[in-house]
N, C-alpha and C. Protein backbone atom coordinates (compact mmCIF):
# COMPACT_ATOMS: atom_id res chain seq x y z
N MET A 1 78.64 106.95 89.10
CA MET A 1 77.94 106.72 90.34
C MET A 1 77.45 108.11 91.06
N GLN A 2 76.56 107.95 91.58
CA GLN A 2 75.83 109.14 92.45
C GLN A 2 75.47 108.97 93.82
N ILE A 3 75.71 109.63 94.91
CA ILE A 3 75.43 109.52 96.12
C ILE A 3 74.75 110.50 96.76
N CYS A 4 73.80 110.51 97.53
CA CYS A 4 72.93 111.64 98.19
C CYS A 4 72.61 110.86 99.84
N HIS A 5 73.10 111.38 100.73
CA HIS A 5 72.93 111.20 102.01
C HIS A 5 71.61 111.83 102.68
N LYS A 6 70.79 111.12 103.55
CA LYS A 6 69.80 111.73 104.31
C LYS A 6 69.72 113.18 104.59
N GLU A 7 70.66 113.80 105.08
CA GLU A 7 70.96 114.97 105.13
C GLU A 7 70.94 116.10 104.22
N GLU A 8 71.12 115.47 102.83
CA GLU A 8 71.12 116.07 101.80
C GLU A 8 69.87 116.17 101.07
N ALA A 9 68.82 115.23 101.30
CA ALA A 9 67.90 115.20 100.74
C ALA A 9 66.75 116.33 101.12
N GLU A 10 65.96 116.55 100.31
CA GLU A 10 65.03 117.85 100.43
C GLU A 10 63.74 117.24 100.91
N LYS A 11 63.40 117.97 102.01
CA LYS A 11 62.19 117.68 102.70
C LYS A 11 60.72 118.24 102.34
N PHE A 12 59.68 117.62 102.14
CA PHE A 12 58.47 118.29 101.45
C PHE A 12 57.35 117.75 102.24
N GLU A 13 56.40 118.50 102.60
CA GLU A 13 55.42 118.23 103.47
C GLU A 13 54.05 118.05 102.27
N ASN A 14 53.81 117.01 101.72
CA ASN A 14 52.57 116.74 100.94
C ASN A 14 51.22 117.03 101.37
N ALA A 15 51.31 116.56 102.81
CA ALA A 15 50.02 116.84 103.43
C ALA A 15 50.37 116.69 105.12
N SER A 16 49.40 117.13 105.90
CA SER A 16 49.65 116.94 107.39
C SER A 16 49.85 115.48 107.56
N THR A 17 49.46 114.47 106.80
CA THR A 17 49.73 113.18 107.07
C THR A 17 51.07 112.49 106.20
N CYS A 18 51.68 113.32 105.38
CA CYS A 18 52.78 112.70 104.33
C CYS A 18 53.92 113.65 104.17
N MET A 19 55.19 113.05 104.93
CA MET A 19 56.17 113.92 104.68
C MET A 19 57.22 113.27 103.91
N VAL A 20 58.02 113.66 102.55
CA VAL A 20 58.67 112.95 101.92
C VAL A 20 60.08 113.80 101.71
N TYR A 21 61.18 112.81 101.74
CA TYR A 21 62.68 113.11 101.55
C TYR A 21 62.81 113.06 100.17
N GLU A 22 63.19 113.67 99.21
CA GLU A 22 63.47 113.73 97.65
C GLU A 22 64.89 113.72 97.72
N TYR A 23 65.39 112.63 96.96
CA TYR A 23 67.00 112.71 96.95
C TYR A 23 67.26 113.11 95.41
N GLY A 24 66.91 114.41 95.31
CA GLY A 24 67.33 114.98 94.13
C GLY A 24 68.73 115.24 93.57
N LYS A 25 69.75 115.18 94.78
CA LYS A 25 71.04 115.27 94.31
C LYS A 25 71.47 114.30 93.30
N ILE A 26 70.58 113.27 93.34
CA ILE A 26 70.94 112.03 92.22
C ILE A 26 70.17 112.46 91.09
N SER A 27 70.80 112.77 90.07
CA SER A 27 70.07 113.38 88.90
C SER A 27 70.24 112.40 87.77
N ASP A 28 69.11 111.84 87.57
CA ASP A 28 68.76 110.82 86.24
C ASP A 28 67.64 110.83 85.72
N ASN A 29 67.35 110.89 84.52
CA ASN A 29 66.12 111.15 83.78
C ASN A 29 65.19 109.66 83.93
N ASP A 30 66.13 108.64 83.99
CA ASP A 30 65.46 107.46 83.87
C ASP A 30 64.83 106.62 85.40
N ILE A 31 65.62 107.25 86.52
CA ILE A 31 65.01 106.75 87.81
C ILE A 31 65.33 107.69 88.67
N ASN A 32 64.56 107.93 90.01
CA ASN A 32 65.01 108.71 91.01
C ASN A 32 64.28 107.93 92.25
N GLY A 33 64.52 108.35 93.33
CA GLY A 33 63.89 107.97 94.57
C GLY A 33 63.42 108.80 95.64
N ALA A 34 62.59 108.26 96.77
CA ALA A 34 62.28 109.37 97.69
C ALA A 34 62.09 108.31 98.91
N VAL A 35 62.04 108.85 99.91
CA VAL A 35 61.53 107.94 101.21
C VAL A 35 60.23 108.91 101.63
N GLY A 36 59.01 108.22 101.90
CA GLY A 36 57.91 108.78 102.53
C GLY A 36 57.81 108.53 103.85
N ILE A 37 57.17 109.23 104.72
CA ILE A 37 56.63 108.99 106.01
C ILE A 37 54.99 109.13 105.95
N ILE A 38 54.46 108.17 106.13
CA ILE A 38 52.96 108.24 106.12
C ILE A 38 52.42 107.94 107.49
N ASN A 39 51.68 109.04 108.03
CA ASN A 39 51.05 109.11 109.42
C ASN A 39 49.48 109.37 109.25
N GLY A 40 48.62 108.21 108.76
CA GLY A 40 47.12 108.26 108.68
C GLY A 40 47.02 108.14 107.28
N ARG A 41 46.12 109.02 106.71
CA ARG A 41 45.58 108.72 105.03
C ARG A 41 46.29 109.81 104.16
N TYR A 42 47.06 109.33 103.04
CA TYR A 42 47.40 109.99 102.23
C TYR A 42 47.10 109.51 100.67
N PRO A 43 46.44 110.51 99.95
CA PRO A 43 45.95 111.85 100.31
C PRO A 43 44.91 111.89 101.34
N GLU A 44 44.77 112.90 102.22
CA GLU A 44 43.60 112.96 103.02
C GLU A 44 42.19 112.65 102.58
N GLU A 45 42.13 113.12 101.33
CA GLU A 45 40.74 112.75 100.61
C GLU A 45 41.00 112.45 99.12
N GLY A 46 40.15 111.69 98.49
CA GLY A 46 40.27 110.92 97.40
C GLY A 46 41.60 110.32 97.05
N LEU A 47 42.01 110.41 95.88
CA LEU A 47 43.20 109.55 95.53
C LEU A 47 44.40 110.31 94.61
N VAL A 48 45.28 109.54 94.32
CA VAL A 48 46.39 110.30 93.70
C VAL A 48 46.85 109.20 92.56
N THR A 49 47.49 109.89 91.78
CA THR A 49 47.92 108.84 90.31
C THR A 49 49.44 109.43 89.82
N ASN A 50 49.92 108.74 89.25
CA ASN A 50 51.29 109.32 88.58
C ASN A 50 50.83 109.13 86.76
N GLU A 51 50.76 110.06 86.37
CA GLU A 51 50.48 109.86 84.80
C GLU A 51 51.31 109.36 84.05
N GLU A 52 52.82 109.55 84.44
CA GLU A 52 54.15 109.15 83.64
C GLU A 52 54.85 107.96 84.15
N CYS A 53 54.95 107.86 85.64
CA CYS A 53 55.93 107.13 86.22
C CYS A 53 55.34 105.81 86.82
N LYS A 54 56.16 104.93 87.12
CA LYS A 54 55.95 103.83 87.80
C LYS A 54 56.55 103.91 89.05
N GLU A 55 55.75 103.42 89.91
CA GLU A 55 56.38 103.60 91.32
C GLU A 55 56.59 102.57 92.01
N LEU A 56 57.79 101.84 92.44
CA LEU A 56 58.02 100.80 93.25
C LEU A 56 58.04 101.28 94.77
N VAL A 57 56.98 100.67 95.55
CA VAL A 57 56.93 100.93 96.96
C VAL A 57 57.67 99.92 97.95
N TYR A 58 58.18 99.98 98.71
CA TYR A 58 58.83 99.13 99.60
C TYR A 58 58.79 99.47 101.11
N VAL A 59 58.21 98.85 101.93
CA VAL A 59 57.67 99.14 103.40
C VAL A 59 59.04 99.17 104.18
N ILE A 60 59.70 99.99 104.72
CA ILE A 60 60.90 99.95 105.52
C ILE A 60 60.32 99.64 106.83
N LYS A 61 59.44 100.41 107.48
CA LYS A 61 59.02 100.05 108.66
C LYS A 61 57.40 100.33 108.82
N GLY A 62 56.76 99.84 109.76
CA GLY A 62 55.55 100.17 110.06
C GLY A 62 54.48 99.31 109.48
N GLU A 63 53.18 99.66 109.36
CA GLU A 63 52.03 99.13 108.41
C GLU A 63 51.02 99.68 108.03
N GLY A 64 50.21 99.28 107.24
CA GLY A 64 49.02 99.73 106.81
C GLY A 64 48.29 99.24 105.56
N LYS A 65 47.83 100.07 104.72
CA LYS A 65 47.46 99.59 103.57
C LYS A 65 47.47 100.50 102.26
N ILE A 66 47.36 100.02 100.97
CA ILE A 66 47.32 100.94 99.94
C ILE A 66 45.87 100.39 99.27
N VAL A 67 45.03 101.28 98.72
CA VAL A 67 43.89 100.81 98.37
C VAL A 67 43.84 101.31 96.55
N ILE A 68 44.07 100.63 95.74
CA ILE A 68 44.35 100.63 94.27
C ILE A 68 42.86 100.31 93.62
N THR A 69 42.28 101.25 92.83
CA THR A 69 41.07 100.69 92.21
C THR A 69 40.06 99.86 93.08
N ASP A 70 39.76 100.56 94.08
CA ASP A 70 38.97 99.95 95.01
C ASP A 70 39.33 98.61 95.90
N VAL A 71 40.66 98.09 95.53
CA VAL A 71 41.06 96.79 96.29
C VAL A 71 42.09 97.34 97.14
N GLU A 72 41.70 96.86 98.43
CA GLU A 72 42.65 97.18 99.43
C GLU A 72 43.86 96.12 99.56
N HIS A 73 45.13 96.57 99.90
CA HIS A 73 46.12 95.78 100.11
C HIS A 73 46.71 95.88 101.28
N LYS A 74 47.16 94.90 102.09
CA LYS A 74 47.90 95.18 103.34
C LYS A 74 49.34 95.43 103.26
N LEU A 75 49.73 96.14 103.84
CA LEU A 75 51.13 96.33 103.78
C LEU A 75 51.84 96.76 105.12
N LYS A 76 52.99 96.06 105.15
CA LYS A 76 53.88 95.68 106.41
C LYS A 76 55.13 95.74 106.20
N GLU A 77 56.19 95.61 107.04
CA GLU A 77 57.56 95.97 106.95
C GLU A 77 57.98 94.79 105.81
N GLY A 78 58.84 95.17 105.00
CA GLY A 78 59.27 94.18 104.01
C GLY A 78 58.21 93.83 102.80
N THR A 79 57.12 94.39 102.95
CA THR A 79 56.01 94.27 101.48
C THR A 79 56.62 95.25 100.25
N MET A 80 56.66 94.85 99.47
CA MET A 80 57.05 95.59 98.11
C MET A 80 55.81 95.54 97.07
N ILE A 81 55.42 96.53 96.62
CA ILE A 81 54.35 96.79 95.66
C ILE A 81 54.80 97.70 94.62
N LEU A 82 54.18 97.27 93.16
CA LEU A 82 54.49 98.08 92.01
C LEU A 82 53.27 98.69 91.65
N ILE A 83 53.28 100.11 91.63
CA ILE A 83 52.23 101.03 91.29
C ILE A 83 52.51 101.06 89.87
N ASP A 84 51.73 100.94 88.62
CA ASP A 84 51.79 101.33 87.44
C ASP A 84 51.25 102.70 87.18
N LYS A 85 51.92 103.56 86.22
CA LYS A 85 51.38 104.60 85.97
C LYS A 85 49.77 104.76 85.53
N GLY A 86 49.29 105.69 85.91
CA GLY A 86 47.90 105.98 85.68
C GLY A 86 46.85 105.25 86.83
N GLU A 87 47.48 104.22 87.72
CA GLU A 87 46.69 103.53 88.60
C GLU A 87 46.29 104.70 89.82
N LYS A 88 45.07 104.67 90.40
CA LYS A 88 44.31 105.66 91.45
C LYS A 88 44.70 104.86 92.64
N TYR A 89 45.22 105.51 93.72
CA TYR A 89 45.37 105.03 94.76
C TYR A 89 45.51 105.92 96.06
N PHE A 90 45.14 105.37 97.15
CA PHE A 90 45.73 106.07 98.42
C PHE A 90 46.23 105.19 99.41
N PHE A 91 47.14 105.74 100.25
CA PHE A 91 47.84 105.00 101.47
C PHE A 91 47.11 105.26 102.82
N GLU A 92 47.10 104.17 103.71
CA GLU A 92 46.78 104.69 105.25
C GLU A 92 47.40 103.97 105.86
N GLY A 93 48.01 104.42 107.05
CA GLY A 93 48.56 103.73 108.08
C GLY A 93 49.66 104.54 108.87
N GLN A 94 50.61 103.71 109.19
CA GLN A 94 51.80 104.65 109.94
C GLN A 94 53.02 103.82 109.34
N MET A 95 53.60 104.42 108.21
CA MET A 95 54.79 103.48 107.58
C MET A 95 55.76 104.69 107.20
N GLU A 96 57.06 103.87 106.91
CA GLU A 96 58.14 104.60 106.31
C GLU A 96 58.25 103.78 104.94
N ILE A 97 58.42 104.44 103.98
CA ILE A 97 58.42 103.73 102.54
C ILE A 97 59.40 104.32 101.80
N LEU A 98 60.08 103.27 101.06
CA LEU A 98 60.99 103.73 100.06
C LEU A 98 60.29 103.77 98.48
N MET A 99 60.50 104.81 97.88
CA MET A 99 59.74 105.03 96.46
C MET A 99 60.71 105.37 95.29
N PRO A 100 61.26 104.31 94.76
CA PRO A 100 62.10 104.58 93.63
C PRO A 100 60.83 104.55 92.14
N CYS A 101 61.08 105.71 91.40
CA CYS A 101 60.23 105.68 90.46
C CYS A 101 61.02 105.79 88.94
N THR A 102 60.13 105.22 87.98
CA THR A 102 60.84 105.29 86.51
C THR A 102 59.79 105.65 85.52
N PRO A 103 59.81 106.46 84.61
CA PRO A 103 60.87 107.35 84.54
C PRO A 103 61.22 108.14 85.98
N ALA A 104 62.06 108.98 86.13
CA ALA A 104 62.20 109.86 87.19
C ALA A 104 61.05 110.70 87.64
N TRP A 105 60.57 110.72 88.98
CA TRP A 105 59.41 111.46 89.24
C TRP A 105 59.48 112.85 89.15
N TYR A 106 58.37 113.53 88.76
CA TYR A 106 58.20 115.07 88.93
C TYR A 106 57.03 115.44 89.02
N PRO A 107 56.84 116.54 89.93
CA PRO A 107 55.47 116.94 90.50
C PRO A 107 54.44 117.06 89.40
N GLU A 108 54.68 117.74 88.19
CA GLU A 108 53.68 117.92 87.26
C GLU A 108 53.00 116.80 86.90
N GLN A 109 53.44 115.54 86.89
CA GLN A 109 52.77 114.34 86.40
C GLN A 109 51.90 113.78 87.74
N HIS A 110 52.27 114.16 88.87
CA HIS A 110 51.37 113.81 90.01
C HIS A 110 50.24 114.24 90.36
N LYS A 111 49.11 113.78 90.30
CA LYS A 111 47.69 114.38 90.14
C LYS A 111 47.08 114.08 91.33
N GLU A 112 46.25 114.75 92.12
CA GLU A 112 45.16 114.51 93.09
C GLU A 112 43.83 114.50 92.52
N ILE A 113 43.06 113.28 92.79
CA ILE A 113 41.78 112.98 92.31
C ILE A 113 40.79 113.31 93.51
N ILE A 114 39.96 114.17 93.49
CA ILE A 114 38.97 114.49 94.44
C ILE A 114 37.66 113.89 94.18
């Protein structure tokens, strides 16, 4: 078993509209997770994609939307969505989200598309 508390998570500002807490103390190549705080649009322009990882997104609190392949999906507290690898998307709203990824997320496979 592995455990990581919020105060042990590493904080990253992906953009002025997106703060992420990565729970890197949990070391596993098959799965990892982060908590994201979205305040506005992320990415601020264009789209993002994960080339290798599937991302399961659960809305802890707040609401907004995700646009995947030009299709808008409303998100609210309690919503869960699976983003497959290679799907291009953006978030917009005021949300706190849990994001487990498999295989474990790493920055080199996460791409911004402008």
